[in-house]
């Protein structure tokens, strides 16, 4: 039997949706940095997560479904990791350019993918990731990155890996409801931190409007676009395309807020991208329901 050919342009829509989502996330992060002088990284994170939680709760209305104590526990862990990831990443952005910060954070899910592999061939991808890490970290002044900012970005990567692991458990059978509840739990982490840092400045109308725009750009819009892409792309293709995110972050950091990188930093970002794309493209498929989600940045 002849297999029908894929319609021309069949991949165009999902790929365009995914790339647009990544541009939206990183464009939102670049825009978020412009709020740091007014409300700090913590205040900006509180606005993003708080508004995103309100939007997701309004869309999914998760209170219509009753949770068991076990399910609620997984969602709490998922939301806590999500909140910590946002607070830590924005704190890193206060000290680092956007591109290197995303590349360092990306090492969290990359390490998670590598840890699930048992093949010798993956040693090459691990080597590339280590080389990229070595070039990015402020060892002997090679990259010129702030040490505390680098540590915060790596900590955000750890939180991202935990978010993936906990989200895998929290999302079983609940989907969007779990995401909405998880974001609400994340707000319980991010909002008090932001209030402690920014105080009443957080409620100025222009700041609230900017925070709402960041929530749309960094959460609501890319989440919707990624759902379009996931329905039409296999997970390997999705993961490989997502690996381009550090490069898009570096490019948008340059275009939006004039952040220039050194050739060494661009090389380091390229090595992280190659390692992430390689480990994703060559990963063996697992049984249905037992696959680690592609590293989507929430």
C-alpha atoms as a PDB file:
ATOM      1  CA  UNK A   1       0.000   0.000   0.000  1.00  0.00           C
ATOM      2  CA  UNK A   2       1.337   3.422  -0.928  1.00  0.00           C
ATOM      3  CA  UNK A   3       1.792   5.868   1.946  1.00  0.00           C
ATOM      4  CA  UNK A   4       0.215   9.230   1.130  1.00  0.00           C
ATOM      5  CA  UNK A   5       2.733  11.993   0.656  1.00  0.00           C
ATOM      6  CA  UNK A   6       2.802  14.759   3.232  1.00  0.00           C
ATOM      7  CA  UNK A   7       0.881  17.759   1.928  1.00  0.00           C
ATOM      8  CA  UNK A   8       3.137  20.580   0.689  1.00  0.00           C
ATOM      9  CA  UNK A   9       3.777  22.981   3.514  1.00  0.00           C
ATOM     10  CA  UNK A  10       2.449  20.471   6.045  1.00  0.00           C
ATOM     11  CA  UNK A  11       5.252  21.347   8.461  1.00  0.00           C
ATOM     12  CA  UNK A  12       5.162  25.065   7.791  1.00  0.00           C
ATOM     13  CA  UNK A  13       2.366  25.917  10.241  1.00  0.00           C
ATOM     14  CA  UNK A  14       3.649  23.963  13.283  1.00  0.00           C
ATOM     15  CA  UNK A  15       7.262  25.050  12.736  1.00  0.00           C
ATOM     16  CA  UNK A  16       6.173  28.674  12.321  1.00  0.00           C
ATOM     17  CA  UNK A  17       4.032  28.388  15.453  1.00  0.00           C
ATOM     18  CA  UNK A  18       6.913  26.957  17.490  1.00  0.00           C
ATOM     19  CA  UNK A  19       9.464  29.513  16.290  1.00  0.00           C
ATOM     20  CA  UNK A  20       6.975  32.342  16.902  1.00  0.00           C
ATOM     21  CA  UNK A  21       6.409  30.997  20.404  1.00  0.00           C
ATOM     22  CA  UNK A  22      10.156  30.944  21.124  1.00  0.00           C
ATOM     23  CA  UNK A  23      10.543  34.487  19.775  1.00  0.00           C
ATOM     24  CA  UNK A  24       7.623  35.571  21.964  1.00  0.00           C
ATOM     25  CA  UNK A  25       9.156  34.009  25.097  1.00  0.00           C
ATOM     26  CA  UNK A  26      12.584  35.544  24.582  1.00  0.00           C
ATOM     27  CA  UNK A  27      11.177  38.846  23.362  1.00  0.00           C
ATOM     28  CA  UNK A  28       9.120  38.945  26.539  1.00  0.00           C
ATOM     29  CA  UNK A  29      12.256  38.237  28.596  1.00  0.00           C
ATOM     30  CA  UNK A  30      14.130  41.054  26.837  1.00  0.00           C
ATOM     31  CA  UNK A  31      11.211  43.421  27.470  1.00  0.00           C
ATOM     32  CA  UNK A  32      11.083  42.249  31.093  1.00  0.00           C
ATOM     33  CA  UNK A  33      14.657  43.461  31.641  1.00  0.00           C
ATOM     34  CA  UNK A  34      13.496  47.016  30.946  1.00  0.00           C
ATOM     35  CA  UNK A  35      11.342  46.834  34.110  1.00  0.00           C
ATOM     36  CA  UNK A  36      14.237  45.836  36.375  1.00  0.00           C
ATOM     37  CA  UNK A  37      15.227  49.448  37.229  1.00  0.00           C
ATOM     38  CA  UNK A  38      11.672  50.142  38.414  1.00  0.00           C
ATOM     39  CA  UNK A  39      10.664  46.967  40.293  1.00  0.00           C
ATOM     40  CA  UNK A  40      13.720  44.700  40.228  1.00  0.00           C
ATOM     41  CA  UNK A  41      13.968  41.160  38.898  1.00  0.00           C
ATOM     42  CA  UNK A  42      11.746  39.824  41.692  1.00  0.00           C
ATOM     43  CA  UNK A  43       8.983  42.323  40.998  1.00  0.00           C
ATOM     44  CA  UNK A  44       9.092  41.582  37.280  1.00  0.00           C
ATOM     45  CA  UNK A  45       8.911  37.841  37.930  1.00  0.00           C
ATOM     46  CA  UNK A  46       5.936  38.393  40.246  1.00  0.00           C
ATOM     47  CA  UNK A  47       4.091  40.296  37.522  1.00  0.00           C
ATOM     48  CA  UNK A  48       4.772  37.671  34.878  1.00  0.00           C
ATOM     49  CA  UNK A  49       3.805  34.674  37.008  1.00  0.00           C
ATOM     50  CA  UNK A  50       0.910  36.401  38.749  1.00  0.00           C
ATOM     51  CA  UNK A  51      -0.792  37.554  35.566  1.00  0.00           C
ATOM     52  CA  UNK A  52      -0.053  34.241  33.831  1.00  0.00           C
ATOM     53  CA  UNK A  53      -1.733  32.404  36.713  1.00  0.00           C
ATOM     54  CA  UNK A  54      -4.837  34.588  36.465  1.00  0.00           C
ATOM     55  CA  UNK A  55      -5.044  34.055  32.706  1.00  0.00           C
ATOM     56  CA  UNK A  56      -4.641  30.278  32.933  1.00  0.00           C
ATOM     57  CA  UNK A  57      -7.125  29.987  35.796  1.00  0.00           C
ATOM     58  CA  UNK A  58      -9.693  31.932  33.764  1.00  0.00           C
ATOM     59  CA  UNK A  59      -9.169  29.728  30.705  1.00  0.00           C
ATOM     60  CA  UNK A  60      -9.016  26.275  32.357  1.00  0.00           C
ATOM     61  CA  UNK A  61     -11.190  26.808  35.470  1.00  0.00           C
ATOM     62  CA  UNK A  62      -9.473  23.941  37.306  1.00  0.00           C
ATOM     63  CA  UNK A  63     -11.781  24.121  40.324  1.00  0.00           C
ATOM     64  CA  UNK A  64     -14.306  22.071  38.345  1.00  0.00           C
ATOM     65  CA  UNK A  65     -12.239  18.906  38.905  1.00  0.00           C
ATOM     66  CA  UNK A  66     -11.546  17.438  42.331  1.00  0.00           C
ATOM     67  CA  UNK A  67      -7.976  16.358  43.076  1.00  0.00           C
ATOM     68  CA  UNK A  68      -6.742  13.590  45.318  1.00  0.00           C
ATOM     69  CA  UNK A  69      -4.175  14.454  47.987  1.00  0.00           C
ATOM     70  CA  UNK A  70      -1.471  12.738  45.924  1.00  0.00           C
ATOM     71  CA  UNK A  71      -2.341  14.704  42.782  1.00  0.00           C
ATOM     72  CA  UNK A  72      -2.400  17.949  44.738  1.00  0.00           C
ATOM     73  CA  UNK A  73       1.046  17.140  46.122  1.00  0.00           C
ATOM     74  CA  UNK A  74       2.554  16.652  42.657  1.00  0.00           C
ATOM     75  CA  UNK A  75       0.969  19.888  41.448  1.00  0.00           C
ATOM     76  CA  UNK A  76       2.385  21.744  44.455  1.00  0.00           C
ATOM     77  CA  UNK A  77       5.884  20.428  43.677  1.00  0.00           C
ATOM     78  CA  UNK A  78       5.417  21.268  39.998  1.00  0.00           C
ATOM     79  CA  UNK A  79       4.286  24.801  40.813  1.00  0.00           C
ATOM     80  CA  UNK A  80       7.047  25.321  43.371  1.00  0.00           C
ATOM     81  CA  UNK A  81       9.679  24.347  40.806  1.00  0.00           C
ATOM     82  CA  UNK A  82       8.058  26.629  38.229  1.00  0.00           C
ATOM     83  CA  UNK A  83       8.010  29.563  40.639  1.00  0.00           C
ATOM     84  CA  UNK A  84      11.614  29.014  41.700  1.00  0.00           C
ATOM     85  CA  UNK A  85      12.705  28.744  38.073  1.00  0.00           C
ATOM     86  CA  UNK A  86      11.128  32.094  37.200  1.00  0.00           C
ATOM     87  CA  UNK A  87      12.524  33.920  40.236  1.00  0.00           C
ATOM     88  CA  UNK A  88      16.024  32.493  39.755  1.00  0.00           C
ATOM     89  CA  UNK A  89      16.095  33.102  36.001  1.00  0.00           C
ATOM     90  CA  UNK A  90      15.006  36.726  36.282  1.00  0.00           C
ATOM     91  CA  UNK A  91      17.565  37.245  39.056  1.00  0.00           C
ATOM     92  CA  UNK A  92      20.188  35.849  36.667  1.00  0.00           C
ATOM     93  CA  UNK A  93      19.000  38.197  33.909  1.00  0.00           C
ATOM     94  CA  UNK A  94      19.737  41.144  36.192  1.00  0.00           C
ATOM     95  CA  UNK A  95      23.426  40.154  35.977  1.00  0.00           C
ATOM     96  CA  UNK A  96      23.797  38.375  32.620  1.00  0.00           C
ATOM     97  CA  UNK A  97      22.966  38.989  28.955  1.00  0.00           C
ATOM     98  CA  UNK A  98      19.880  37.124  27.796  1.00  0.00           C
ATOM     99  CA  UNK A  99      21.617  34.644  25.441  1.00  0.00           C
ATOM    100  CA  UNK A 100      24.202  33.241  27.882  1.00  0.00           C
ATOM    101  CA  UNK A 101      21.591  33.161  30.685  1.00  0.00           C
ATOM    102  CA  UNK A 102      19.252  31.016  28.577  1.00  0.00           C
ATOM    103  CA  UNK A 103      22.117  28.765  27.469  1.00  0.00           C
ATOM    104  CA  UNK A 104      23.188  28.149  31.075  1.00  0.00           C
ATOM    105  CA  UNK A 105      19.591  27.521  32.140  1.00  0.00           C
ATOM    106  CA  UNK A 106      19.127  25.172  29.181  1.00  0.00           C
ATOM    107  CA  UNK A 107      21.783  22.878  30.672  1.00  0.00           C
ATOM    108  CA  UNK A 108      19.191  21.741  33.235  1.00  0.00           C
ATOM    109  CA  UNK A 109      16.842  19.931  30.838  1.00  0.00           C
ATOM    110  CA  UNK A 110      19.831  18.924  28.703  1.00  0.00           C
ATOM    111  CA  UNK A 111      21.387  17.180  31.702  1.00  0.00           C
ATOM    112  CA  UNK A 112      18.043  15.503  32.368  1.00  0.00           C
ATOM    113  CA  UNK A 113      17.954  14.169  28.808  1.00  0.00           C
ATOM    114  CA  UNK A 114      21.546  12.945  29.052  1.00  0.00           C
ATOM    115  CA  UNK A 115      20.870  11.263  32.398  1.00  0.00           C
ATOM    116  CA  UNK A 116      18.160   9.168  30.749  1.00  0.00           C
ATOM    117  CA  UNK A 117      20.586   7.824  28.151  1.00  0.00           C
ATOM    118  CA  UNK A 118      22.769   4.732  28.436  1.00  0.00           C
ATOM    119  CA  UNK A 119      24.515   4.895  25.058  1.00  0.00           C
ATOM    120  CA  UNK A 120      28.212   5.455  24.481  1.00  0.00           C
ATOM    121  CA  UNK A 121      27.440   7.558  21.422  1.00  0.00           C
ATOM    122  CA  UNK A 122      25.995  10.226  23.700  1.00  0.00           C
ATOM    123  CA  UNK A 123      29.450  10.890  25.128  1.00  0.00           C
ATOM    124  CA  UNK A 124      30.062  13.203  22.184  1.00  0.00           C
ATOM    125  CA  UNK A 125      27.017  15.318  23.003  1.00  0.00           C
ATOM    126  CA  UNK A 126      28.013  15.369  26.683  1.00  0.00           C
ATOM    127  CA  UNK A 127      31.495  16.575  25.691  1.00  0.00           C
ATOM    128  CA  UNK A 128      30.046  19.408  23.610  1.00  0.00           C
ATOM    129  CA  UNK A 129      27.768  20.463  26.482  1.00  0.00           C
ATOM    130  CA  UNK A 130      30.716  20.502  28.897  1.00  0.00           C
ATOM    131  CA  UNK A 131      32.788  22.559  26.463  1.00  0.00           C
ATOM    132  CA  UNK A 132      29.944  25.041  26.091  1.00  0.00           C
ATOM    133  CA  UNK A 133      29.574  25.249  29.865  1.00  0.00           C
ATOM    134  CA  UNK A 134      33.318  25.782  30.284  1.00  0.00           C
ATOM    135  CA  UNK A 135      33.306  28.630  27.781  1.00  0.00           C
ATOM    136  CA  UNK A 136      30.300  30.332  29.358  1.00  0.00           C
ATOM    137  CA  UNK A 137      31.284  30.132  33.003  1.00  0.00           C
ATOM    138  CA  UNK A 138      33.637  32.861  34.265  1.00  0.00           C
ATOM    139  CA  UNK A 139      36.684  30.596  34.474  1.00  0.00           C
ATOM    140  CA  UNK A 140      39.903  32.642  34.211  1.00  0.00           C
ATOM    141  CA  UNK A 141      37.833  35.477  32.849  1.00  0.00           C
ATOM    142  CA  UNK A 142      37.216  33.756  29.503  1.00  0.00           C
ATOM    143  CA  UNK A 143      33.576  34.738  29.150  1.00  0.00           C
ATOM    144  CA  UNK A 144      33.410  37.750  31.430  1.00  0.00           C
ATOM    145  CA  UNK A 145      30.107  36.608  32.941  1.00  0.00           C
ATOM    146  CA  UNK A 146      29.118  37.562  36.459  1.00  0.00           C
ATOM    147  CA  UNK A 147      29.786  34.586  38.801  1.00  0.00           C
ATOM    148  CA  UNK A 148      26.630  35.058  40.879  1.00  0.00           C
ATOM    149  CA  UNK A 149      24.534  35.534  37.750  1.00  0.00           C
ATOM    150  CA  UNK A 150      25.988  32.335  36.298  1.00  0.00           C
ATOM    151  CA  UNK A 151      25.189  30.430  39.504  1.00  0.00           C
ATOM    152  CA  UNK A 152      21.620  31.759  39.474  1.00  0.00           C
ATOM    153  CA  UNK A 153      21.131  30.705  35.832  1.00  0.00           C
ATOM    154  CA  UNK A 154      22.430  27.212  36.593  1.00  0.00           C
ATOM    155  CA  UNK A 155      20.125  27.026  39.624  1.00  0.00           C
ATOM    156  CA  UNK A 156      17.231  28.037  37.351  1.00  0.00           C
ATOM    157  CA  UNK A 157      18.270  25.145  35.092  1.00  0.00           C
ATOM    158  CA  UNK A 158      18.015  22.744  38.026  1.00  0.00           C
ATOM    159  CA  UNK A 159      14.538  24.115  38.777  1.00  0.00           C
ATOM    160  CA  UNK A 160      13.641  23.670  35.081  1.00  0.00           C
ATOM    161  CA  UNK A 161      14.669  20.004  35.221  1.00  0.00           C
ATOM    162  CA  UNK A 162      12.575  19.520  38.376  1.00  0.00           C
ATOM    163  CA  UNK A 163       9.677  21.303  36.675  1.00  0.00           C
ATOM    164  CA  UNK A 164       9.846  18.753  33.837  1.00  0.00           C
ATOM    165  CA  UNK A 165       9.984  15.784  36.222  1.00  0.00           C
ATOM    166  CA  UNK A 166       7.202  17.030  38.491  1.00  0.00           C
ATOM    167  CA  UNK A 167       5.139  18.255  35.540  1.00  0.00           C
ATOM    168  CA  UNK A 168       5.234  14.776  34.049  1.00  0.00           C
ATOM    169  CA  UNK A 169       3.495  13.458  37.164  1.00  0.00           C
ATOM    170  CA  UNK A 170       1.219  16.449  37.729  1.00  0.00           C
ATOM    171  CA  UNK A 171      -0.071  16.564  34.154  1.00  0.00           C
ATOM    172  CA  UNK A 172      -1.187  12.923  33.877  1.00  0.00           C
ATOM    173  CA  UNK A 173      -4.888  13.004  33.175  1.00  0.00           C
ATOM    174  CA  UNK A 174      -5.279  16.689  33.991  1.00  0.00           C
ATOM    175  CA  UNK A 175      -3.475  18.610  31.223  1.00  0.00           C
ATOM    176  CA  UNK A 176      -4.393  22.275  31.200  1.00  0.00           C
ATOM    177  CA  UNK A 177      -5.985  22.129  34.648  1.00  0.00           C
ATOM    178  CA  UNK A 178      -2.665  20.997  36.132  1.00  0.00           C
ATOM    179  CA  UNK A 179      -0.824  23.787  34.308  1.00  0.00           C
ATOM    180  CA  UNK A 180      -3.253  26.391  35.656  1.00  0.00           C
ATOM    181  CA  UNK A 181      -2.999  25.098  39.223  1.00  0.00           C
ATOM    182  CA  UNK A 182       0.774  24.784  38.894  1.00  0.00           C
ATOM    183  CA  UNK A 183       1.067  28.399  37.757  1.00  0.00           C
ATOM    184  CA  UNK A 184      -1.117  29.449  40.692  1.00  0.00           C
ATOM    185  CA  UNK A 185       1.229  27.581  43.035  1.00  0.00           C
ATOM    186  CA  UNK A 186       4.180  29.266  41.300  1.00  0.00           C
ATOM    187  CA  UNK A 187       2.572  32.640  41.997  1.00  0.00           C
ATOM    188  CA  UNK A 188       2.628  31.805  45.715  1.00  0.00           C
ATOM    189  CA  UNK A 189       6.431  31.640  45.369  1.00  0.00           C
ATOM    190  CA  UNK A 190       7.028  34.538  42.979  1.00  0.00           C
ATOM    191  CA  UNK A 191       4.526  37.166  44.151  1.00  0.00           C
ATOM    192  CA  UNK A 192       5.674  37.423  47.806  1.00  0.00           C
ATOM    193  CA  UNK A 193       9.284  37.609  46.591  1.00  0.00           C
ATOM    194  CA  UNK A 194       8.358  40.429  44.209  1.00  0.00           C
ATOM    195  CA  UNK A 195       6.380  42.316  46.823  1.00  0.00           C
ATOM    196  CA  UNK A 196       9.300  42.130  49.242  1.00  0.00           C
ATOM    197  CA  UNK A 197      11.610  43.610  46.619  1.00  0.00           C
ATOM    198  CA  UNK A 198       9.404  46.146  44.837  1.00  0.00           C
ATOM    199  CA  UNK A 199       6.770  47.093  47.431  1.00  0.00           C
ATOM    200  CA  UNK A 200       3.962  49.405  46.291  1.00  0.00           C
ATOM    201  CA  UNK A 201       5.833  50.287  43.067  1.00  0.00           C
ATOM    202  CA  UNK A 202       4.501  46.982  41.747  1.00  0.00           C
ATOM    203  CA  UNK A 203       0.962  48.425  41.604  1.00  0.00           C
ATOM    204  CA  UNK A 204       1.663  51.516  39.519  1.00  0.00           C
ATOM    205  CA  UNK A 205      -0.678  51.350  36.461  1.00  0.00           C
ATOM    206  CA  UNK A 206       2.129  51.564  33.846  1.00  0.00           C
ATOM    207  CA  UNK A 207       4.027  48.777  35.640  1.00  0.00           C
ATOM    208  CA  UNK A 208       0.915  46.595  35.838  1.00  0.00           C
ATOM    209  CA  UNK A 209       0.237  47.143  32.116  1.00  0.00           C
ATOM    210  CA  UNK A 210       3.817  46.226  31.241  1.00  0.00           C
ATOM    211  CA  UNK A 211       3.643  43.160  33.490  1.00  0.00           C
ATOM    212  CA  UNK A 212       0.441  42.023  31.793  1.00  0.00           C
ATOM    213  CA  UNK A 213       2.107  42.377  28.391  1.00  0.00           C
ATOM    214  CA  UNK A 214       5.082  40.315  29.597  1.00  0.00           C
ATOM    215  CA  UNK A 215       2.724  37.590  30.851  1.00  0.00           C
ATOM    216  CA  UNK A 216       1.068  37.467  27.426  1.00  0.00           C
ATOM    217  CA  UNK A 217       4.382  37.396  25.552  1.00  0.00           C
ATOM    218  CA  UNK A 218       6.178  34.981  27.880  1.00  0.00           C
ATOM    219  CA  UNK A 219       3.386  32.622  28.929  1.00  0.00           C
ATOM    220  CA  UNK A 220      -0.081  32.825  27.374  1.00  0.00           C
ATOM    221  CA  UNK A 221       0.863  33.294  23.692  1.00  0.00           C
ATOM    222  CA  UNK A 222       3.831  30.875  23.497  1.00  0.00           C
ATOM    223  CA  UNK A 223       1.958  28.212  25.495  1.00  0.00           C
ATOM    224  CA  UNK A 224      -0.886  28.331  22.971  1.00  0.00           C
ATOM    225  CA  UNK A 225       1.485  28.244  19.995  1.00  0.00           C
ATOM    226  CA  UNK A 226       3.456  25.324  21.451  1.00  0.00           C
ATOM    227  CA  UNK A 227       0.227  23.352  21.806  1.00  0.00           C
ATOM    228  CA  UNK A 228      -0.412  23.908  18.069  1.00  0.00           C
ATOM    229  CA  UNK A 229       3.102  22.683  17.284  1.00  0.00           C
ATOM    230  CA  UNK A 230       2.932  19.650  19.575  1.00  0.00           C
ATOM    231  CA  UNK A 231      -0.206  18.375  17.863  1.00  0.00           C
ATOM    232  CA  UNK A 232       1.516  18.344  14.468  1.00  0.00           C
ATOM    233  CA  UNK A 233       5.188  17.626  15.187  1.00  0.00           C
ATOM    234  CA  UNK A 234       6.758  14.495  16.626  1.00  0.00           C
ATOM    235  CA  UNK A 235       8.562  15.015  19.931  1.00  0.00           C
ATOM    236  CA  UNK A 236      12.016  14.618  18.387  1.00  0.00           C
ATOM    237  CA  UNK A 237      11.458  17.367  15.829  1.00  0.00           C
ATOM    238  CA  UNK A 238       9.878  19.530  18.512  1.00  0.00           C
ATOM    239  CA  UNK A 239      12.846  19.047  20.847  1.00  0.00           C
ATOM    240  CA  UNK A 240      15.446  19.736  18.142  1.00  0.00           C
ATOM    241  CA  UNK A 241      13.718  22.973  17.156  1.00  0.00           C
ATOM    242  CA  UNK A 242      13.452  24.016  20.812  1.00  0.00           C
ATOM    243  CA  UNK A 243      17.225  23.648  21.044  1.00  0.00           C
ATOM    244  CA  UNK A 244      17.535  26.830  18.977  1.00  0.00           C
ATOM    245  CA  UNK A 245      16.133  28.895  21.839  1.00  0.00           C
ATOM    246  CA  UNK A 246      19.475  30.094  23.300  1.00  0.00           C
ATOM    247  CA  UNK A 247      20.461  31.490  19.893  1.00  0.00           C
ATOM    248  CA  UNK A 248      17.104  33.258  19.520  1.00  0.00           C
ATOM    249  CA  UNK A 249      17.536  34.650  23.031  1.00  0.00           C
ATOM    250  CA  UNK A 250      20.982  36.025  22.163  1.00  0.00           C
ATOM    251  CA  UNK A 251      19.685  37.534  18.921  1.00  0.00           C
ATOM    252  CA  UNK A 252      16.677  39.185  20.596  1.00  0.00           C
ATOM    253  CA  UNK A 253      18.867  40.432  23.435  1.00  0.00           C
ATOM    254  CA  UNK A 254      20.958  42.209  20.819  1.00  0.00           C
ATOM    255  CA  UNK A 255      18.013  43.562  18.792  1.00  0.00           C
ATOM    256  CA  UNK A 256      15.713  44.607  21.650  1.00  0.00           C
ATOM    257  CA  UNK A 257      18.098  45.763  24.398  1.00  0.00           C
ATOM    258  CA  UNK A 258      21.426  46.057  22.550  1.00  0.00           C
ATOM    259  CA  UNK A 259      23.227  43.228  24.382  1.00  0.00           C
ATOM    260  CA  UNK A 260      26.399  42.357  22.485  1.00  0.00           C
ATOM    261  CA  UNK A 261      28.171  39.018  22.964  1.00  0.00           C
ATOM    262  CA  UNK A 262      31.783  38.051  22.411  1.00  0.00           C
ATOM    263  CA  UNK A 263      32.763  35.458  19.786  1.00  0.00           C
ATOM    264  CA  UNK A 264      33.583  33.042  22.627  1.00  0.00           C
ATOM    265  CA  UNK A 265      30.087  33.424  24.065  1.00  0.00           C
ATOM    266  CA  UNK A 266      28.507  32.799  20.643  1.00  0.00           C
ATOM    267  CA  UNK A 267      30.659  29.673  20.281  1.00  0.00           C
ATOM    268  CA  UNK A 268      29.580  28.447  23.721  1.00  0.00           C
ATOM    269  CA  UNK A 269      25.907  28.978  22.861  1.00  0.00           C
ATOM    270  CA  UNK A 270      26.404  27.095  19.581  1.00  0.00           C
ATOM    271  CA  UNK A 271      27.953  24.120  21.424  1.00  0.00           C
ATOM    272  CA  UNK A 272      25.022  23.961  23.856  1.00  0.00           C
ATOM    273  CA  UNK A 273      22.574  24.080  20.938  1.00  0.00           C
ATOM    274  CA  UNK A 274      24.383  21.303  19.050  1.00  0.00           C
ATOM    275  CA  UNK A 275      24.533  19.122  22.167  1.00  0.00           C
ATOM    276  CA  UNK A 276      20.836  19.641  22.917  1.00  0.00           C
ATOM    277  CA  UNK A 277      19.755  19.020  19.319  1.00  0.00           C
ATOM    278  CA  UNK A 278      22.006  15.972  19.046  1.00  0.00           C
ATOM    279  CA  UNK A 279      20.865  14.266  22.223  1.00  0.00           C
ATOM    280  CA  UNK A 280      17.235  14.941  21.249  1.00  0.00           C
ATOM    281  CA  UNK A 281      17.526  13.760  17.653  1.00  0.00           C
ATOM    282  CA  UNK A 282      19.295  10.499  18.544  1.00  0.00           C
ATOM    283  CA  UNK A 283      17.256   9.616  21.640  1.00  0.00           C
ATOM    284  CA  UNK A 284      15.418   6.317  21.448  1.00  0.00           C
ATOM    285  CA  UNK A 285      11.636   6.601  21.756  1.00  0.00           C
ATOM    286  CA  UNK A 286      10.237   5.353  25.057  1.00  0.00           C
ATOM    287  CA  UNK A 287       6.979   3.681  25.776  1.00  0.00           C
ATOM    288  CA  UNK A 288       3.895   5.869  25.540  1.00  0.00           C
ATOM    289  CA  UNK A 289       3.423   7.930  28.679  1.00  0.00           C
ATOM    290  CA  UNK A 290       7.001   7.311  29.839  1.00  0.00           C
ATOM    291  CA  UNK A 291       8.782   9.933  27.786  1.00  0.00           C
ATOM    292  CA  UNK A 292      10.372  12.975  29.330  1.00  0.00           C
ATOM    293  CA  UNK A 293       8.653  16.061  27.921  1.00  0.00           C
ATOM    294  CA  UNK A 294      10.544  18.232  25.484  1.00  0.00           C
ATOM    295  CA  UNK A 295      12.253  21.089  27.354  1.00  0.00           C
ATOM    296  CA  UNK A 296       9.604  23.772  26.931  1.00  0.00           C
ATOM    297  CA  UNK A 297      10.418  26.941  28.820  1.00  0.00           C
ATOM    298  CA  UNK A 298       7.310  28.045  30.686  1.00  0.00           C
END
